[in-house]
Amino acid sequence: MKYSAAENSIICLFWGVGICSKARFLHSVTHTHTHTHSYINGSKCIHVLNKQRLHVNVLSVPLFHCNACHRVSLPLPGLAVGIGLFTTFLYVNKNIQTQVFLQDRHSKLQCIWLLLFLISSTLLLYYTFLTETLYHCLILLSPTIEPLGFWETLWAVGITNFVIKFLCMGIKCLILLLPSSLVSYRTQGRWLMLTEELGQVHQAIAPVPLWFRYLVTYQETEGTPGLTLGVLLALLYLILKLLGLYGQWTSLMKTGRLFLRVEVSTAATRSQCNEAGDVCPICQGEYREPRALLCQHIFCDECIALWFNREKSCPLCRTVITEKVYKWRDGATSPHLQIY
């Protein structure tokens, strides 16, 4: 039986959550079983101990294999959840780009479905790991994960990264739901671009408390030398992180200037269109909402908007029109995982 991309995403996410729930149930059952004989006293206790000695050879091998399988399967829940989150991201990201490309012909119902899908996936994820308080990572606080080892830190950072992507994609769905009378295609692209840039900055900042806590405490059992080494590593991490954030801050400032600046094109008059030949150089068709660039070349509004999603200069004379490519105006969300 074949499933759609949405169904595959839901199956993977529920599969991962189901494995996590089953693992917790088995852990609780095992923990309860270890205390079963604490209430036995007197002759009953002696009888139970003798009975256990008779069966120790029979039970030792299966119990050994059971514990070994349990240890081997520990990464499976985290891996399953990761697969579910990644497939959900791919499905929603592709559909948002499709809806942006359709412009005025995009489906409002599809945008609502994508928004509800993102919200339900995020709530289900946080409800499953409610005791770990992973949502604290969104506001730069540490979760209640004990002990916080390397793999636990990496896992929490990865989940937080995906959730921030989901939040940004949810905001993009809300932008698409706004009527065209309030948000034109050019303005819509600016909002999508600004949303993505802000989301990437949030993704870069969110892992800092987790990694800082891990680096400071991972060798605290070694005493003062271990704690000193941890503090030095944490300071080195902060320096590298600040250097990386400086580059992202520069990119965000350029995006902010593009968001606030005056339009790089103006509405072309009828006489300008006649002089240009009434044919758009990009689509080779009649002008639709013609726009004149600073170099006075005229193009369709939609054609030149799509062009500036990839280029900074005029398609004909190569005059630089913008200082930055409108990279995220098509509604795309970066698949890059900010894990450090």
C-alpha atoms as a PDB file:
ATOM      1  CA  MET A   1       0.000   0.000   0.000  1.00  0.00           C
ATOM      2  CA  LYS A   2       1.358   3.454  -0.939  1.00  0.00           C
ATOM      3  CA  TYR A   3       1.037   6.462   1.335  1.00  0.00           C
ATOM      4  CA  SER A   4       1.228  10.177   0.619  1.00  0.00           C
ATOM      5  CA  ALA A   5       3.986  12.375   1.994  1.00  0.00           C
ATOM      6  CA  ALA A   6       1.707  13.696   4.739  1.00  0.00           C
ATOM      7  CA  GLU A   7       0.696  10.184   5.786  1.00  0.00           C
ATOM      8  CA  ASN A   8       4.336   9.086   5.874  1.00  0.00           C
ATOM      9  CA  SER A   9       5.196  12.065   8.081  1.00  0.00           C
ATOM     10  CA  ILE A  10       2.362  11.277  10.493  1.00  0.00           C
ATOM     11  CA  ILE A  11       3.269   7.569  10.580  1.00  0.00           C
ATOM     12  CA  CYS A  12       6.944   8.313  11.323  1.00  0.00           C
ATOM     13  CA  LEU A  13       6.093  10.811  14.051  1.00  0.00           C
ATOM     14  CA  PHE A  14       3.564   8.533  15.765  1.00  0.00           C
ATOM     15  CA  TRP A  15       5.954   5.594  15.378  1.00  0.00           C
ATOM     16  CA  GLY A  16       8.676   7.493  17.189  1.00  0.00           C
ATOM     17  CA  VAL A  17       6.322   8.664  19.912  1.00  0.00           C
ATOM     18  CA  GLY A  18       4.953   5.119  20.288  1.00  0.00           C
ATOM     19  CA  ILE A  19       8.439   3.688  20.722  1.00  0.00           C
ATOM     20  CA  CYS A  20       9.234   6.326  23.351  1.00  0.00           C
ATOM     21  CA  SER A  21       6.013   5.556  25.247  1.00  0.00           C
ATOM     22  CA  LYS A  22       6.694   1.818  25.090  1.00  0.00           C
ATOM     23  CA  ALA A  23      10.236   2.321  26.368  1.00  0.00           C
ATOM     24  CA  ARG A  24       8.943   4.326  29.312  1.00  0.00           C
ATOM     25  CA  PHE A  25       6.325   1.670  30.085  1.00  0.00           C
ATOM     26  CA  LEU A  26       8.934  -1.113  30.041  1.00  0.00           C
ATOM     27  CA  HIS A  27      11.175   0.941  32.292  1.00  0.00           C
ATOM     28  CA  SER A  28       8.360   1.450  34.806  1.00  0.00           C
ATOM     29  CA  VAL A  29       7.457  -2.259  34.742  1.00  0.00           C
ATOM     30  CA  THR A  30      11.096  -3.257  35.292  1.00  0.00           C
ATOM     31  CA  HIS A  31      11.446  -0.746  38.110  1.00  0.00           C
ATOM     32  CA  THR A  32       8.307  -2.098  39.792  1.00  0.00           C
ATOM     33  CA  HIS A  33       9.431  -5.719  39.381  1.00  0.00           C
ATOM     34  CA  THR A  34      12.690  -5.089  41.241  1.00  0.00           C
ATOM     35  CA  HIS A  35      10.716  -4.153  44.359  1.00  0.00           C
ATOM     36  CA  THR A  36       8.202  -7.017  44.225  1.00  0.00           C
ATOM     37  CA  HIS A  37       9.857  -9.136  46.943  1.00  0.00           C
ATOM     38  CA  SER A  38      10.425  -6.288  49.403  1.00  0.00           C
ATOM     39  CA  TYR A  39       7.253  -7.258  51.294  1.00  0.00           C
ATOM     40  CA  ILE A  40       8.114 -10.960  51.711  1.00  0.00           C
ATOM     41  CA  ASN A  41       9.339 -12.022  55.166  1.00  0.00           C
ATOM     42  CA  GLY A  42      10.047 -15.082  57.266  1.00  0.00           C
ATOM     43  CA  SER A  43       9.731 -18.544  55.704  1.00  0.00           C
ATOM     44  CA  LYS A  44       8.185 -17.155  52.525  1.00  0.00           C
ATOM     45  CA  CYS A  45      11.366 -15.203  51.848  1.00  0.00           C
ATOM     46  CA  ILE A  46      13.502 -18.344  52.325  1.00  0.00           C
ATOM     47  CA  HIS A  47      11.197 -20.318  50.041  1.00  0.00           C
ATOM     48  CA  VAL A  48      11.429 -17.669  47.322  1.00  0.00           C
ATOM     49  CA  LEU A  49      15.218 -17.512  47.586  1.00  0.00           C
ATOM     50  CA  ASN A  50      15.526 -21.296  47.274  1.00  0.00           C
ATOM     51  CA  LYS A  51      13.217 -21.267  44.284  1.00  0.00           C
ATOM     52  CA  GLN A  52      15.288 -18.531  42.649  1.00  0.00           C
ATOM     53  CA  ARG A  53      18.472 -20.611  43.126  1.00  0.00           C
ATOM     54  CA  LEU A  54      16.864 -23.548  41.300  1.00  0.00           C
ATOM     55  CA  HIS A  55      16.033 -21.391  38.303  1.00  0.00           C
ATOM     56  CA  VAL A  56      19.047 -19.087  38.243  1.00  0.00           C
ATOM     57  CA  ASN A  57      20.750 -21.006  35.439  1.00  0.00           C
ATOM     58  CA  VAL A  58      17.587 -20.981  33.342  1.00  0.00           C
ATOM     59  CA  LEU A  59      16.842 -17.286  33.807  1.00  0.00           C
ATOM     60  CA  SER A  60      20.343 -15.824  33.682  1.00  0.00           C
ATOM     61  CA  VAL A  61      20.835 -16.148  29.926  1.00  0.00           C
ATOM     62  CA  PRO A  62      17.438 -14.710  28.855  1.00  0.00           C
ATOM     63  CA  LEU A  63      17.779 -11.845  31.316  1.00  0.00           C
ATOM     64  CA  PHE A  64      21.255 -11.084  30.015  1.00  0.00           C
ATOM     65  CA  HIS A  65      20.014 -10.944  26.443  1.00  0.00           C
ATOM     66  CA  CYS A  66      17.008  -8.846  27.462  1.00  0.00           C
ATOM     67  CA  ASN A  67      19.218  -6.261  29.171  1.00  0.00           C
ATOM     68  CA  ALA A  68      21.597  -6.243  26.222  1.00  0.00           C
ATOM     69  CA  CYS A  69      18.729  -5.658  23.780  1.00  0.00           C
ATOM     70  CA  HIS A  70      17.413  -2.877  26.002  1.00  0.00           C
ATOM     71  CA  ARG A  71      20.802  -1.153  25.986  1.00  0.00           C
ATOM     72  CA  VAL A  72      21.159  -1.534  22.227  1.00  0.00           C
ATOM     73  CA  SER A  73      17.655  -0.182  21.539  1.00  0.00           C
ATOM     74  CA  LEU A  74      18.062   2.967  23.647  1.00  0.00           C
ATOM     75  CA  PRO A  75      18.964   5.227  20.639  1.00  0.00           C
ATOM     76  CA  LEU A  76      15.962   3.908  18.682  1.00  0.00           C
ATOM     77  CA  PRO A  77      13.280   6.239  20.161  1.00  0.00           C
ATOM     78  CA  GLY A  78      15.378   9.342  19.534  1.00  0.00           C
ATOM     79  CA  LEU A  79      16.215   8.183  16.010  1.00  0.00           C
ATOM     80  CA  ALA A  80      12.560   7.427  15.250  1.00  0.00           C
ATOM     81  CA  VAL A  81      11.450  10.859  16.467  1.00  0.00           C
ATOM     82  CA  GLY A  82      14.205  12.460  14.376  1.00  0.00           C
ATOM     83  CA  ILE A  83      13.003  10.662  11.239  1.00  0.00           C
ATOM     84  CA  GLY A  84       9.425  11.761  11.930  1.00  0.00           C
ATOM     85  CA  LEU A  85      10.444  15.397  12.441  1.00  0.00           C
ATOM     86  CA  PHE A  86      12.605  15.425   9.308  1.00  0.00           C
ATOM     87  CA  THR A  87       9.895  13.969   7.066  1.00  0.00           C
ATOM     88  CA  THR A  88       7.385  16.437   8.516  1.00  0.00           C
ATOM     89  CA  PHE A  89       9.779  19.293   7.741  1.00  0.00           C
ATOM     90  CA  LEU A  90      10.335  18.143   4.144  1.00  0.00           C
ATOM     91  CA  TYR A  91       6.609  17.749   3.503  1.00  0.00           C
ATOM     92  CA  VAL A  92       5.577  21.144   4.910  1.00  0.00           C
ATOM     93  CA  ASN A  93       8.545  23.018   3.410  1.00  0.00           C
ATOM     94  CA  LYS A  94       7.799  21.733  -0.088  1.00  0.00           C
ATOM     95  CA  ASN A  95       4.100  22.567   0.172  1.00  0.00           C
ATOM     96  CA  ILE A  96       4.744  26.105   1.436  1.00  0.00           C
ATOM     97  CA  GLN A  97       7.040  26.803  -1.526  1.00  0.00           C
ATOM     98  CA  THR A  98       4.354  25.465  -3.867  1.00  0.00           C
ATOM     99  CA  GLN A  99       1.713  27.744  -2.340  1.00  0.00           C
ATOM    100  CA  VAL A 100       4.012  30.785  -2.595  1.00  0.00           C
ATOM    101  CA  PHE A 101       4.738  29.984  -6.248  1.00  0.00           C
ATOM    102  CA  LEU A 102       0.998  29.850  -7.002  1.00  0.00           C
ATOM    103  CA  GLN A 103       0.617  33.397  -5.622  1.00  0.00           C
ATOM    104  CA  ASP A 104      -3.040  34.483  -5.874  1.00  0.00           C
ATOM    105  CA  ARG A 105      -4.045  30.975  -6.911  1.00  0.00           C
ATOM    106  CA  HIS A 106      -2.780  29.327  -3.720  1.00  0.00           C
ATOM    107  CA  SER A 107      -5.181  27.289  -1.577  1.00  0.00           C
ATOM    108  CA  LYS A 108      -6.226  28.753   1.770  1.00  0.00           C
ATOM    109  CA  LEU A 109      -7.409  25.326   2.925  1.00  0.00           C
ATOM    110  CA  GLN A 110      -3.991  23.822   2.195  1.00  0.00           C
ATOM    111  CA  CYS A 111      -2.310  26.558   4.244  1.00  0.00           C
ATOM    112  CA  ILE A 112      -4.713  25.934   7.146  1.00  0.00           C
ATOM    113  CA  TRP A 113      -3.998  22.186   6.966  1.00  0.00           C
ATOM    114  CA  LEU A 114      -0.242  22.784   7.034  1.00  0.00           C
ATOM    115  CA  LEU A 115      -0.613  25.117  10.018  1.00  0.00           C
ATOM    116  CA  LEU A 116      -2.723  22.623  11.981  1.00  0.00           C
ATOM    117  CA  PHE A 117      -0.325  19.810  11.062  1.00  0.00           C
ATOM    118  CA  LEU A 118       2.644  21.758  12.442  1.00  0.00           C
ATOM    119  CA  ILE A 119       0.810  22.713  15.642  1.00  0.00           C
ATOM    120  CA  SER A 120      -0.403  19.172  16.352  1.00  0.00           C
ATOM    121  CA  SER A 121       3.032  17.658  15.656  1.00  0.00           C
ATOM    122  CA  THR A 122       4.737  20.108  18.020  1.00  0.00           C
ATOM    123  CA  LEU A 123       2.185  19.660  20.814  1.00  0.00           C
ATOM    124  CA  LEU A 124       2.331  15.867  20.507  1.00  0.00           C
ATOM    125  CA  LEU A 125       6.120  15.955  20.709  1.00  0.00           C
ATOM    126  CA  TYR A 126       6.233  18.153  23.799  1.00  0.00           C
ATOM    127  CA  TYR A 127       3.438  16.195  25.498  1.00  0.00           C
ATOM    128  CA  THR A 128       5.339  12.930  24.995  1.00  0.00           C
ATOM    129  CA  PHE A 129       8.472  14.397  26.611  1.00  0.00           C
ATOM    130  CA  LEU A 130       6.618  16.543  29.136  1.00  0.00           C
ATOM    131  CA  THR A 131       8.803  15.512  32.084  1.00  0.00           C
ATOM    132  CA  GLU A 132      11.932  16.640  30.213  1.00  0.00           C
ATOM    133  CA  THR A 133      10.457  20.164  29.687  1.00  0.00           C
ATOM    134  CA  LEU A 134      12.076  20.467  26.269  1.00  0.00           C
ATOM    135  CA  TYR A 135      10.042  23.599  25.593  1.00  0.00           C
ATOM    136  CA  HIS A 136      12.353  25.449  27.988  1.00  0.00           C
ATOM    137  CA  CYS A 137      15.009  25.356  25.262  1.00  0.00           C
ATOM    138  CA  LEU A 138      12.915  27.720  23.130  1.00  0.00           C
ATOM    139  CA  ILE A 139      13.372  30.516  25.690  1.00  0.00           C
ATOM    140  CA  LEU A 140      17.063  29.779  26.373  1.00  0.00           C
ATOM    141  CA  LEU A 141      16.479  27.744  29.552  1.00  0.00           C
ATOM    142  CA  SER A 142      17.820  24.283  30.365  1.00  0.00           C
ATOM    143  CA  PRO A 143      15.488  21.258  30.261  1.00  0.00           C
ATOM    144  CA  THR A 144      15.119  18.842  33.182  1.00  0.00           C
ATOM    145  CA  ILE A 145      17.190  16.058  31.614  1.00  0.00           C
ATOM    146  CA  GLU A 146      19.335  14.158  34.103  1.00  0.00           C
ATOM    147  CA  PRO A 147      22.060  13.275  33.487  1.00  0.00           C
ATOM    148  CA  LEU A 148      22.753  15.714  30.658  1.00  0.00           C
ATOM    149  CA  GLY A 149      25.368  13.812  28.652  1.00  0.00           C
ATOM    150  CA  PHE A 150      26.637  14.412  25.142  1.00  0.00           C
ATOM    151  CA  TRP A 151      23.943  12.428  23.338  1.00  0.00           C
ATOM    152  CA  GLU A 152      21.179  13.868  25.506  1.00  0.00           C
ATOM    153  CA  THR A 153      22.400  17.383  24.717  1.00  0.00           C
ATOM    154  CA  LEU A 154      22.640  16.638  20.999  1.00  0.00           C
ATOM    155  CA  TRP A 155      19.145  15.133  21.019  1.00  0.00           C
ATOM    156  CA  ALA A 156      17.588  18.108  22.841  1.00  0.00           C
ATOM    157  CA  VAL A 157      19.332  20.580  20.519  1.00  0.00           C
ATOM    158  CA  GLY A 158      18.126  18.699  17.434  1.00  0.00           C
ATOM    159  CA  ILE A 159      14.498  18.621  18.597  1.00  0.00           C
ATOM    160  CA  THR A 160      14.592  22.323  19.506  1.00  0.00           C
ATOM    161  CA  ASN A 161      16.037  23.108  16.075  1.00  0.00           C
ATOM    162  CA  PHE A 162      13.178  21.351  14.317  1.00  0.00           C
ATOM    163  CA  VAL A 163      10.549  22.993  16.537  1.00  0.00           C
ATOM    164  CA  ILE A 164      11.916  26.459  15.722  1.00  0.00           C
ATOM    165  CA  LYS A 165      11.719  25.564  12.024  1.00  0.00           C
ATOM    166  CA  PHE A 166       8.108  24.477  12.581  1.00  0.00           C
ATOM    167  CA  LEU A 167       7.329  27.803  14.285  1.00  0.00           C
ATOM    168  CA  CYS A 168       8.795  29.755  11.363  1.00  0.00           C
ATOM    169  CA  MET A 169       6.884  27.660   8.836  1.00  0.00           C
ATOM    170  CA  GLY A 170       3.701  28.213  10.841  1.00  0.00           C
ATOM    171  CA  ILE A 171       4.242  31.989  10.649  1.00  0.00           C
ATOM    172  CA  LYS A 172       4.749  31.662   6.881  1.00  0.00           C
ATOM    173  CA  CYS A 173       1.413  29.846   6.637  1.00  0.00           C
ATOM    174  CA  LEU A 174      -0.231  32.731   8.499  1.00  0.00           C
ATOM    175  CA  ILE A 175       1.356  35.202   6.054  1.00  0.00           C
ATOM    176  CA  LEU A 176      -0.062  33.210   3.145  1.00  0.00           C
ATOM    177  CA  LEU A 177      -3.507  33.310   4.765  1.00  0.00           C
ATOM    178  CA  LEU A 178      -3.557  37.121   4.733  1.00  0.00           C
ATOM    179  CA  PRO A 179      -5.627  38.603   1.884  1.00  0.00           C
ATOM    180  CA  SER A 180      -3.757  40.025  -1.107  1.00  0.00           C
ATOM    181  CA  SER A 181      -5.341  43.415  -0.434  1.00  0.00           C
ATOM    182  CA  LEU A 182      -3.266  43.618   2.766  1.00  0.00           C
ATOM    183  CA  VAL A 183      -0.114  41.823   1.600  1.00  0.00           C
ATOM    184  CA  SER A 184       0.925  42.080  -2.051  1.00  0.00           C
ATOM    185  CA  TYR A 185       3.275  39.568  -3.662  1.00  0.00           C
ATOM    186  CA  ARG A 186       6.334  41.826  -3.207  1.00  0.00           C
ATOM    187  CA  THR A 187       5.448  42.589   0.422  1.00  0.00           C
ATOM    188  CA  GLN A 188       4.706  38.916   1.061  1.00  0.00           C
ATOM    189  CA  GLY A 189       8.181  37.969  -0.134  1.00  0.00           C
ATOM    190  CA  ARG A 190       9.758  40.480   2.224  1.00  0.00           C
ATOM    191  CA  TRP A 191       7.835  39.109   5.203  1.00  0.00           C
ATOM    192  CA  LEU A 192       8.789  35.534   4.299  1.00  0.00           C
ATOM    193  CA  MET A 193      12.444  36.526   3.977  1.00  0.00           C
ATOM    194  CA  LEU A 194      12.476  38.378   7.305  1.00  0.00           C
ATOM    195  CA  THR A 195      10.743  35.466   9.066  1.00  0.00           C
ATOM    196  CA  GLU A 196      13.364  33.002   7.823  1.00  0.00           C
ATOM    197  CA  GLU A 197      16.289  35.227   8.835  1.00  0.00           C
ATOM    198  CA  LEU A 198      14.882  35.719  12.347  1.00  0.00           C
ATOM    199  CA  GLY A 199      14.273  31.981  12.636  1.00  0.00           C
ATOM    200  CA  GLN A 200      17.866  31.194  11.717  1.00  0.00           C
ATOM    201  CA  VAL A 201      19.150  33.597  14.373  1.00  0.00           C
ATOM    202  CA  HIS A 202      16.885  31.918  16.945  1.00  0.00           C
ATOM    203  CA  GLN A 203      18.182  28.495  15.887  1.00  0.00           C
ATOM    204  CA  ALA A 204      21.757  29.703  16.355  1.00  0.00           C
ATOM    205  CA  ILE A 205      21.131  31.078  19.862  1.00  0.00           C
ATOM    206  CA  ALA A 206      18.937  28.267  21.253  1.00  0.00           C
ATOM    207  CA  PRO A 207      21.722  25.617  21.679  1.00  0.00           C
ATOM    208  CA  VAL A 208      23.984  27.930  23.722  1.00  0.00           C
ATOM    209  CA  PRO A 209      22.600  27.186  27.254  1.00  0.00           C
ATOM    210  CA  LEU A 210      22.568  23.420  26.630  1.00  0.00           C
ATOM    211  CA  TRP A 211      26.121  23.153  25.350  1.00  0.00           C
ATOM    212  CA  PHE A 212      27.420  25.609  27.949  1.00  0.00           C
ATOM    213  CA  ARG A 213      25.899  23.538  30.759  1.00  0.00           C
ATOM    214  CA  TYR A 214      27.263  20.308  29.281  1.00  0.00           C
ATOM    215  CA  LEU A 215      30.812  21.639  28.808  1.00  0.00           C
ATOM    216  CA  VAL A 216      30.972  23.089  32.324  1.00  0.00           C
ATOM    217  CA  THR A 217      29.682  19.966  34.112  1.00  0.00           C
ATOM    218  CA  TYR A 218      30.796  16.992  32.019  1.00  0.00           C
ATOM    219  CA  GLN A 219      34.028  16.525  34.042  1.00  0.00           C
ATOM    220  CA  GLU A 220      33.007  18.040  37.359  1.00  0.00           C
ATOM    221  CA  THR A 221      33.497  14.642  39.053  1.00  0.00           C
ATOM    222  CA  GLU A 222      37.239  14.998  38.426  1.00  0.00           C
ATOM    223  CA  GLY A 223      37.405  17.835  40.921  1.00  0.00           C
ATOM    224  CA  THR A 224      38.981  21.234  40.361  1.00  0.00           C
ATOM    225  CA  PRO A 225      41.074  20.236  37.274  1.00  0.00           C
ATOM    226  CA  GLY A 226      38.005  18.821  35.511  1.00  0.00           C
ATOM    227  CA  LEU A 227      35.878  21.842  36.382  1.00  0.00           C
ATOM    228  CA  THR A 228      38.608  24.210  35.170  1.00  0.00           C
ATOM    229  CA  LEU A 229      38.872  22.359  31.861  1.00  0.00           C
ATOM    230  CA  GLY A 230      35.096  22.487  31.454  1.00  0.00           C
ATOM    231  CA  VAL A 231      34.997  26.241  32.060  1.00  0.00           C
ATOM    232  CA  LEU A 232      37.793  26.828  29.527  1.00  0.00           C
ATOM    233  CA  LEU A 233      35.995  24.728  26.901  1.00  0.00           C
ATOM    234  CA  ALA A 234      32.750  26.596  27.593  1.00  0.00           C
ATOM    235  CA  LEU A 235      34.495  29.956  27.143  1.00  0.00           C
ATOM    236  CA  LEU A 236      36.058  28.759  23.881  1.00  0.00           C
ATOM    237  CA  TYR A 237      32.620  27.659  22.703  1.00  0.00           C
ATOM    238  CA  LEU A 238      31.140  31.069  23.541  1.00  0.00           C
ATOM    239  CA  ILE A 239      33.880  32.862  21.587  1.00  0.00           C
ATOM    240  CA  LEU A 240      33.299  30.703  18.496  1.00  0.00           C
ATOM    241  CA  LYS A 241      29.547  31.147  18.857  1.00  0.00           C
ATOM    242  CA  LEU A 242      29.854  34.940  19.042  1.00  0.00           C
ATOM    243  CA  LEU A 243      31.952  34.955  15.863  1.00  0.00           C
ATOM    244  CA  GLY A 244      29.282  32.905  14.100  1.00  0.00           C
ATOM    245  CA  LEU A 245      26.484  35.121  15.401  1.00  0.00           C
ATOM    246  CA  TYR A 246      28.276  38.200  14.079  1.00  0.00           C
ATOM    247  CA  GLY A 247      28.002  36.856  10.524  1.00  0.00           C
ATOM    248  CA  GLN A 248      24.326  36.041  11.009  1.00  0.00           C
ATOM    249  CA  TRP A 249      23.693  39.454  12.546  1.00  0.00           C
ATOM    250  CA  THR A 250      25.225  41.117   9.472  1.00  0.00           C
ATOM    251  CA  SER A 251      22.951  39.078   7.212  1.00  0.00           C
ATOM    252  CA  LEU A 252      19.937  39.990   9.356  1.00  0.00           C
ATOM    253  CA  MET A 253      20.776  43.703   9.136  1.00  0.00           C
ATOM    254  CA  LYS A 254      20.934  43.514   5.325  1.00  0.00           C
ATOM    255  CA  THR A 255      17.578  41.782   5.302  1.00  0.00           C
ATOM    256  CA  GLY A 256      16.156  44.469   7.599  1.00  0.00           C
ATOM    257  CA  ARG A 257      17.360  47.219   5.266  1.00  0.00           C
ATOM    258  CA  LEU A 258      15.810  45.421   2.293  1.00  0.00           C
ATOM    259  CA  PHE A 259      12.583  45.062   4.252  1.00  0.00           C
ATOM    260  CA  LEU A 260      12.396  48.778   5.078  1.00  0.00           C
ATOM    261  CA  ARG A 261      13.870  50.297   1.935  1.00  0.00           C
ATOM    262  CA  VAL A 262      11.908  51.907  -0.875  1.00  0.00           C
ATOM    263  CA  GLU A 263      10.918  49.652  -3.779  1.00  0.00           C
ATOM    264  CA  VAL A 264      13.735  48.947  -6.253  1.00  0.00           C
ATOM    265  CA  SER A 265      11.217  49.339  -9.070  1.00  0.00           C
ATOM    266  CA  THR A 266       8.362  51.665  -9.938  1.00  0.00           C
ATOM    267  CA  ALA A 267       5.178  51.195 -11.914  1.00  0.00           C
ATOM    268  CA  ALA A 268       5.937  51.680 -15.618  1.00  0.00           C
ATOM    269  CA  THR A 269       3.833  54.068 -17.671  1.00  0.00           C
ATOM    270  CA  ARG A 270       2.134  53.162 -20.913  1.00  0.00           C
ATOM    271  CA  SER A 271       4.613  55.200 -22.954  1.00  0.00           C
ATOM    272  CA  GLN A 272       7.548  53.395 -21.308  1.00  0.00           C
ATOM    273  CA  CYS A 273       6.006  50.033 -22.199  1.00  0.00           C
ATOM    274  CA  ASN A 274       5.490  51.123 -25.811  1.00  0.00           C
ATOM    275  CA  GLU A 275       9.119  52.220 -26.085  1.00  0.00           C
ATOM    276  CA  ALA A 276      10.261  48.877 -24.639  1.00  0.00           C
ATOM    277  CA  GLY A 277       8.210  46.924 -27.191  1.00  0.00           C
ATOM    278  CA  ASP A 278       5.290  45.708 -25.029  1.00  0.00           C
ATOM    279  CA  VAL A 279       7.087  42.365 -24.531  1.00  0.00           C
ATOM    280  CA  CYS A 280       8.662  41.272 -21.244  1.00  0.00           C
ATOM    281  CA  PRO A 281      12.288  40.170 -21.860  1.00  0.00           C
ATOM    282  CA  ILE A 282      11.934  37.373 -19.289  1.00  0.00           C
ATOM    283  CA  CYS A 283       8.646  35.651 -20.152  1.00  0.00           C
ATOM    284  CA  GLN A 284       8.483  36.923 -23.768  1.00  0.00           C
ATOM    285  CA  GLY A 285       4.802  37.785 -23.288  1.00  0.00           C
ATOM    286  CA  GLU A 286       2.762  40.923 -22.855  1.00  0.00           C
ATOM    287  CA  TYR A 287       3.462  42.964 -19.753  1.00  0.00           C
ATOM    288  CA  ARG A 288       1.451  42.094 -16.662  1.00  0.00           C
ATOM    289  CA  GLU A 289       1.746  44.860 -14.044  1.00  0.00           C
ATOM    290  CA  PRO A 290       4.931  46.264 -15.633  1.00  0.00           C
ATOM    291  CA  ARG A 291       7.683  47.549 -13.343  1.00  0.00           C
ATOM    292  CA  ALA A 292      10.606  49.792 -14.314  1.00  0.00           C
ATOM    293  CA  LEU A 293      13.961  49.238 -12.582  1.00  0.00           C
ATOM    294  CA  LEU A 294      16.462  51.950 -11.683  1.00  0.00           C
ATOM    295  CA  CYS A 295      18.180  51.289 -15.022  1.00  0.00           C
ATOM    296  CA  GLN A 296      14.814  51.944 -16.756  1.00  0.00           C
ATOM    297  CA  HIS A 297      14.442  48.399 -18.084  1.00  0.00           C
ATOM    298  CA  ILE A 298      10.870  47.123 -17.791  1.00  0.00           C
ATOM    299  CA  PHE A 299       9.655  43.667 -16.758  1.00  0.00           C
ATOM    300  CA  CYS A 300       6.511  42.003 -15.458  1.00  0.00           C
ATOM    301  CA  ASP A 301       6.123  42.417 -11.714  1.00  0.00           C
ATOM    302  CA  GLU A 302       5.988  38.655 -11.134  1.00  0.00           C
ATOM    303  CA  CYS A 303       8.908  37.932 -13.490  1.00  0.00           C
ATOM    304  CA  ILE A 304      11.303  40.427 -11.935  1.00  0.00           C
ATOM    305  CA  ALA A 305      10.291  39.387  -8.404  1.00  0.00           C
ATOM    306  CA  LEU A 306      11.177  35.761  -9.190  1.00  0.00           C
ATOM    307  CA  TRP A 307      14.430  36.913 -10.821  1.00  0.00           C
ATOM    308  CA  PHE A 308      15.574  38.766  -7.707  1.00  0.00           C
ATOM    309  CA  ASN A 309      15.057  35.584  -5.710  1.00  0.00           C
ATOM    310  CA  ARG A 310      18.274  34.367  -7.375  1.00  0.00           C
ATOM    311  CA  GLU A 311      20.123  37.437  -8.712  1.00  0.00           C
ATOM    312  CA  LYS A 312      21.073  40.955  -7.603  1.00  0.00           C
ATOM    313  CA  SER A 313      21.427  42.654 -11.001  1.00  0.00           C
ATOM    314  CA  CYS A 314      19.239  43.609 -13.953  1.00  0.00           C
ATOM    315  CA  PRO A 315      18.671  40.700 -16.384  1.00  0.00           C
ATOM    316  CA  LEU A 316      19.646  42.883 -19.387  1.00  0.00           C
ATOM    317  CA  CYS A 317      22.365  45.366 -18.425  1.00  0.00           C
ATOM    318  CA  ARG A 318      23.623  43.655 -15.247  1.00  0.00           C
ATOM    319  CA  THR A 319      23.351  46.839 -13.214  1.00  0.00           C
ATOM    320  CA  VAL A 320      23.373  45.907  -9.517  1.00  0.00           C
ATOM    321  CA  ILE A 321      19.905  46.682  -8.173  1.00  0.00           C
ATOM    322  CA  THR A 322      19.975  45.114  -4.703  1.00  0.00           C
ATOM    323  CA  GLU A 323      22.787  44.462  -2.240  1.00  0.00           C
ATOM    324  CA  LYS A 324      21.556  40.988  -1.397  1.00  0.00           C
ATOM    325  CA  VAL A 325      19.815  38.139  -3.182  1.00  0.00           C
ATOM    326  CA  TYR A 326      16.227  37.695  -1.998  1.00  0.00           C
ATOM    327  CA  LYS A 327      17.037  34.132  -1.078  1.00  0.00           C
ATOM    328  CA  TRP A 328      14.063  33.233   1.097  1.00  0.00           C
ATOM    329  CA  ARG A 329      11.277  35.110  -0.684  1.00  0.00           C
ATOM    330  CA  ASP A 330      10.020  31.851  -2.197  1.00  0.00           C
ATOM    331  CA  GLY A 331       8.905  30.615   1.243  1.00  0.00           C
ATOM    332  CA  ALA A 332      11.709  28.069   1.609  1.00  0.00           C
ATOM    333  CA  THR A 333      13.063  27.113   5.038  1.00  0.00           C
ATOM    334  CA  SER A 334      16.715  26.176   5.400  1.00  0.00           C
ATOM    335  CA  PRO A 335      17.236  22.432   6.074  1.00  0.00           C
ATOM    336  CA  HIS A 336      20.503  23.186   7.889  1.00  0.00           C
ATOM    337  CA  LEU A 337      20.558  21.915  11.481  1.00  0.00           C
ATOM    338  CA  GLN A 338      22.247  24.261  13.948  1.00  0.00           C
ATOM    339  CA  ILE A 339      23.519  21.648  16.402  1.00  0.00           C
ATOM    340  CA  TYR A 340      26.322  23.613  18.106  1.00  0.00           C
END
